[in-house]
Amino acid sequence: MSGKSEAVVRFIANLLPLYDGERHDGLWCARSLNDGTLILPIDESDSDDEQGWVRVRWQGDPSREQETRGDMLATVALERYVRLQGAGYDEEAIAGELWFMARHFHFKTGCNVYLPQLREPPSQLRKVGRAIVKFGGGVLVNGVSKWTGIG
């Protein structure tokens, strides 16, 4: 089996320390290290439009199984992962990392996470411009003077 479902499961399995990968019934799966929930890929090869659906066994219990879109499950996993990895950072930094990870998820899986309010972080140049406006033009003049050796 190879497709979006498997790519989503592999991506989630790499979100250590929240998830880890393991073999289960001959499939590569993601196991939640928090509660033991098992995420398995679904064979979508006969579908014209693969969407990355996954099978979830809540707390690993096969009697509590459901199929869901992997991108929705990954949205929650990515948000938790970024917040855990970014403990102590401000919200702007967290949002920037989440934006990067959402792009990485799309690159790896072909699916998109659901974060409709997430905006692309400002470029470094824009950040410098904001700092200049915030602290005044004198900062820029002093910085250029020191860099060029004038003054």
Foldseek 3Di string as FASTA:
>chain_A
DDALQLLLQVVLCPLPPQWHWDADPNFIWIAGPVQGKIKTGDDCVVPPDDQRKIWIDGSVPPVRIDIDGSLAVVLVSLLVSLCVVQPPDDPLVSLQVSVVVQVVSCVRRVHGHDDVVRDHRDDPVVVVVVVCVVVHVVVVVVVVCVVVVHD
